[in-house]
C-alpha atoms as a PDB file:
ATOM      1  CA  ALA A   1       0.000   0.000   0.000  1.00  0.00           C
ATOM      2  CA  SER A   2       2.839   2.412   0.782  1.00  0.00           C
ATOM      3  CA  LYS A   3       4.469   1.689  -2.588  1.00  0.00           C
ATOM      4  CA  ARG A   4       1.187   2.538  -4.290  1.00  0.00           C
ATOM      5  CA  SER A   5       0.760   5.774  -2.342  1.00  0.00           C
ATOM      6  CA  THR A   6       4.364   6.712  -3.179  1.00  0.00           C
ATOM      7  CA  GLN A   7       3.670   6.054  -6.865  1.00  0.00           C
ATOM      8  CA  PHE A   8       0.561   8.240  -6.797  1.00  0.00           C
ATOM      9  CA  ALA A   9       2.371  10.995  -4.876  1.00  0.00           C
ATOM     10  CA  SER A  10       5.068  10.962  -7.548  1.00  0.00           C
ATOM     11  CA  LEU A  11       2.450  11.067 -10.309  1.00  0.00           C
ATOM     12  CA  ASN A  12       0.628  13.963  -8.630  1.00  0.00           C
ATOM     13  CA  ARG A  13       3.892  15.851  -8.189  1.00  0.00           C
ATOM     14  CA  TYR A  14       4.725  15.358 -11.884  1.00  0.00           C
ATOM     15  CA  LEU A  15       1.281  16.544 -12.987  1.00  0.00           C
ATOM     16  CA  SER A  16       1.462  19.569 -10.690  1.00  0.00           C
ATOM     17  CA  ASP A  17       5.044  20.460 -11.670  1.00  0.00           C
ATOM     18  CA  HIS A  18       4.051  20.486 -15.326  1.00  0.00           C
ATOM     19  CA  GLY A  19       0.872  22.514 -14.856  1.00  0.00           C
ATOM     20  CA  ILE A  20      -1.453  19.764 -16.033  1.00  0.00           C
ATOM     21  CA  SER A  21      -5.117  20.806 -15.762  1.00  0.00           C
ATOM     22  CA  ARG A  22      -7.304  19.358 -13.008  1.00  0.00           C
ATOM     23  CA  GLN A  23      -9.531  17.685 -15.582  1.00  0.00           C
ATOM     24  CA  LEU A  24      -6.660  15.901 -17.325  1.00  0.00           C
ATOM     25  CA  SER A  25      -5.004  15.093 -13.981  1.00  0.00           C
ATOM     26  CA  ALA A  26      -8.202  13.394 -12.813  1.00  0.00           C
ATOM     27  CA  ARG A  27      -8.336  11.334 -16.015  1.00  0.00           C
ATOM     28  CA  VAL A  28      -4.664  10.352 -15.648  1.00  0.00           C
ATOM     29  CA  GLN A  29      -5.168   9.292 -12.022  1.00  0.00           C
ATOM     30  CA  ARG A  30      -8.312   7.324 -12.909  1.00  0.00           C
ATOM     31  CA  ASN A  31      -6.429   5.563 -15.703  1.00  0.00           C
ATOM     32  CA  ALA A  32      -3.522   4.757 -13.377  1.00  0.00           C
ATOM     33  CA  ARG A  33      -5.902   3.245 -10.797  1.00  0.00           C
ATOM     34  CA  HIS A  34      -7.590   1.220 -13.543  1.00  0.00           C
ATOM     35  CA  ALA A  35      -4.223   0.029 -14.895  1.00  0.00           C
ATOM     36  CA  LEU A  36      -3.159  -1.128 -11.420  1.00  0.00           C
ATOM     37  CA  LYS A  37      -6.414  -3.067 -10.980  1.00  0.00           C
ATOM     38  CA  GLU A  38      -5.959  -4.688 -14.396  1.00  0.00           C
ATOM     39  CA  ARG A  39      -2.370  -5.602 -13.561  1.00  0.00           C
ATOM     40  CA  LYS A  40      -3.621  -7.378 -10.428  1.00  0.00           C
ATOM     41  CA  ARG A  41      -6.356  -9.185 -12.389  1.00  0.00           C
ATOM     42  CA  HIS A  42      -4.256 -10.076 -15.434  1.00  0.00           C
ATOM     43  CA  THR A  43      -0.512 -10.473 -15.062  1.00  0.00           C
ATOM     44  CA  PRO A  44       1.111  -8.677 -18.005  1.00  0.00           C
ATOM     45  CA  GLU A  45       3.512 -10.776 -20.059  1.00  0.00           C
ATOM     46  CA  SER A  46       6.219  -8.147 -19.606  1.00  0.00           C
ATOM     47  CA  SER A  47       6.302  -8.828 -15.857  1.00  0.00           C
ATOM     48  CA  VAL A  48       6.924 -12.565 -16.305  1.00  0.00           C
ATOM     49  CA  GLU A  49      10.698 -12.910 -16.694  1.00  0.00           C
ATOM     50  CA  LEU A  50      10.584 -16.534 -17.830  1.00  0.00           C
ATOM     51  CA  MET A  51       8.411 -15.667 -20.836  1.00  0.00           C
ATOM     52  CA  ALA A  52      11.521 -14.221 -22.487  1.00  0.00           C
ATOM     53  CA  LEU A  53      13.197 -17.627 -22.170  1.00  0.00           C
ATOM     54  CA  ILE A  54      10.348 -19.625 -23.696  1.00  0.00           C
ATOM     55  CA  SER A  55      10.876 -20.594 -27.326  1.00  0.00           C
ATOM     56  CA  ASP A  56       9.334 -18.326 -29.942  1.00  0.00           C
ATOM     57  CA  PRO A  57       7.016 -21.055 -31.318  1.00  0.00           C
ATOM     58  CA  LEU A  58       5.656 -21.740 -27.813  1.00  0.00           C
ATOM     59  CA  ARG A  59       5.128 -18.031 -27.182  1.00  0.00           C
ATOM     60  CA  ALA A  60       3.278 -17.847 -30.510  1.00  0.00           C
ATOM     61  CA  GLU A  61       0.955 -20.607 -29.287  1.00  0.00           C
ATOM     62  CA  ILE A  62       0.406 -18.770 -26.011  1.00  0.00           C
ATOM     63  CA  HIS A  63      -0.356 -15.522 -27.843  1.00  0.00           C
ATOM     64  CA  TYR A  64      -2.806 -17.342 -30.103  1.00  0.00           C
ATOM     65  CA  GLU A  65      -4.673 -18.815 -27.130  1.00  0.00           C
ATOM     66  CA  VAL A  66      -4.704 -15.468 -25.323  1.00  0.00           C
ATOM     67  CA  TYR A  67      -5.656 -13.176 -28.204  1.00  0.00           C
ATOM     68  CA  SER A  68      -7.574 -15.250 -30.768  1.00  0.00           C
ATOM     69  CA  PRO A  69     -10.811 -15.300 -28.713  1.00  0.00           C
ATOM     70  CA  LEU A  70     -10.722 -11.493 -28.700  1.00  0.00           C
ATOM     71  CA  LEU A  71      -9.975 -11.251 -32.422  1.00  0.00           C
ATOM     72  CA  THR A  72     -12.472 -13.876 -33.514  1.00  0.00           C
ATOM     73  CA  ALA A  73     -15.265 -12.019 -31.745  1.00  0.00           C
ATOM     74  CA  HIS A  74     -15.209  -9.896 -34.915  1.00  0.00           C
ATOM     75  CA  PRO A  75     -16.829 -11.605 -37.935  1.00  0.00           C
ATOM     76  CA  PHE A  76     -13.895 -10.835 -40.246  1.00  0.00           C
ATOM     77  CA  PHE A  77     -11.324 -12.498 -37.993  1.00  0.00           C
ATOM     78  CA  LEU A  78     -13.691 -15.377 -37.245  1.00  0.00           C
ATOM     79  CA  LEU A  79     -13.870 -16.136 -40.969  1.00  0.00           C
ATOM     80  CA  TYR A  80     -10.158 -15.466 -41.477  1.00  0.00           C
ATOM     81  CA  ASN A  81      -9.338 -17.881 -38.644  1.00  0.00           C
ATOM     82  CA  THR A  82     -11.416 -20.555 -40.391  1.00  0.00           C
ATOM     83  CA  VAL A  83      -9.712 -19.951 -43.740  1.00  0.00           C
ATOM     84  CA  ASN A  84      -6.198 -19.200 -42.484  1.00  0.00           C
ATOM     85  CA  PRO A  85      -5.562 -20.101 -38.827  1.00  0.00           C
ATOM     86  CA  VAL A  86      -1.807 -19.755 -39.381  1.00  0.00           C
ATOM     87  CA  GLY A  87      -2.394 -16.145 -40.452  1.00  0.00           C
ATOM     88  CA  VAL A  88      -4.404 -15.395 -37.314  1.00  0.00           C
ATOM     89  CA  ARG A  89      -1.709 -17.091 -35.218  1.00  0.00           C
ATOM     90  CA  HIS A  90       0.875 -14.810 -36.851  1.00  0.00           C
ATOM     91  CA  ILE A  91      -1.272 -11.721 -36.177  1.00  0.00           C
ATOM     92  CA  CYS A  92      -1.722 -12.751 -32.535  1.00  0.00           C
ATOM     93  CA  HIS A  93       2.020 -13.250 -32.120  1.00  0.00           C
ATOM     94  CA  THR A  94       3.360 -10.217 -33.961  1.00  0.00           C
ATOM     95  CA  ALA A  95       0.678  -7.541 -34.096  1.00  0.00           C
ATOM     96  CA  VAL A  96      -1.525  -7.750 -30.996  1.00  0.00           C
ATOM     97  CA  GLN A  97      -0.693  -6.155 -27.683  1.00  0.00           C
ATOM     98  CA  GLN A  98      -2.683  -5.210 -24.624  1.00  0.00           C
ATOM     99  CA  VAL A  99      -3.087  -1.544 -23.774  1.00  0.00           C
ATOM    100  CA  SER A 100      -4.845   0.185 -20.921  1.00  0.00           C
ATOM    101  CA  LEU A 101      -7.440   2.728 -22.013  1.00  0.00           C
ATOM    102  CA  SER A 102      -9.824   5.029 -20.194  1.00  0.00           C
ATOM    103  CA  ARG A 103     -13.273   6.180 -21.207  1.00  0.00           C
ATOM    104  CA  GLY A 104     -12.834   9.169 -23.482  1.00  0.00           C
ATOM    105  CA  ASP A 105      -9.368   8.226 -24.763  1.00  0.00           C
ATOM    106  CA  VAL A 106      -8.910   8.982 -28.448  1.00  0.00           C
ATOM    107  CA  ILE A 107      -7.637   5.886 -30.227  1.00  0.00           C
ATOM    108  CA  PHE A 108      -7.874   7.078 -33.824  1.00  0.00           C
ATOM    109  CA  SER A 109      -7.851  10.625 -35.131  1.00  0.00           C
ATOM    110  CA  GLU A 110      -8.787  11.925 -38.539  1.00  0.00           C
ATOM    111  CA  PHE A 111      -5.927  11.525 -41.071  1.00  0.00           C
ATOM    112  CA  GLU A 112      -3.963   9.052 -38.950  1.00  0.00           C
END
């Protein structure tokens, strides 16, 4: 708990030192709290040291099992997985990553 309060004190100090508005500061703090909860619920791969030692083909299988259910929820990827499961496996291994987002975050902007 003290580590967490130290982290938030540091974040607040940074936001204050840089003149970040109250509205944006509140969103940043809310996102940080959400990210910490998610980290407790779902261990990120980056925090598992042994994952770096696992062979690339095995990690590809892990990524497929982790990410394919999310991808195949979309009709395009469901069909693509039926036609080309190796392609979906490759996408899961090389192109998918988890990110923490907050309500109101802009993911895509015009002309990007």
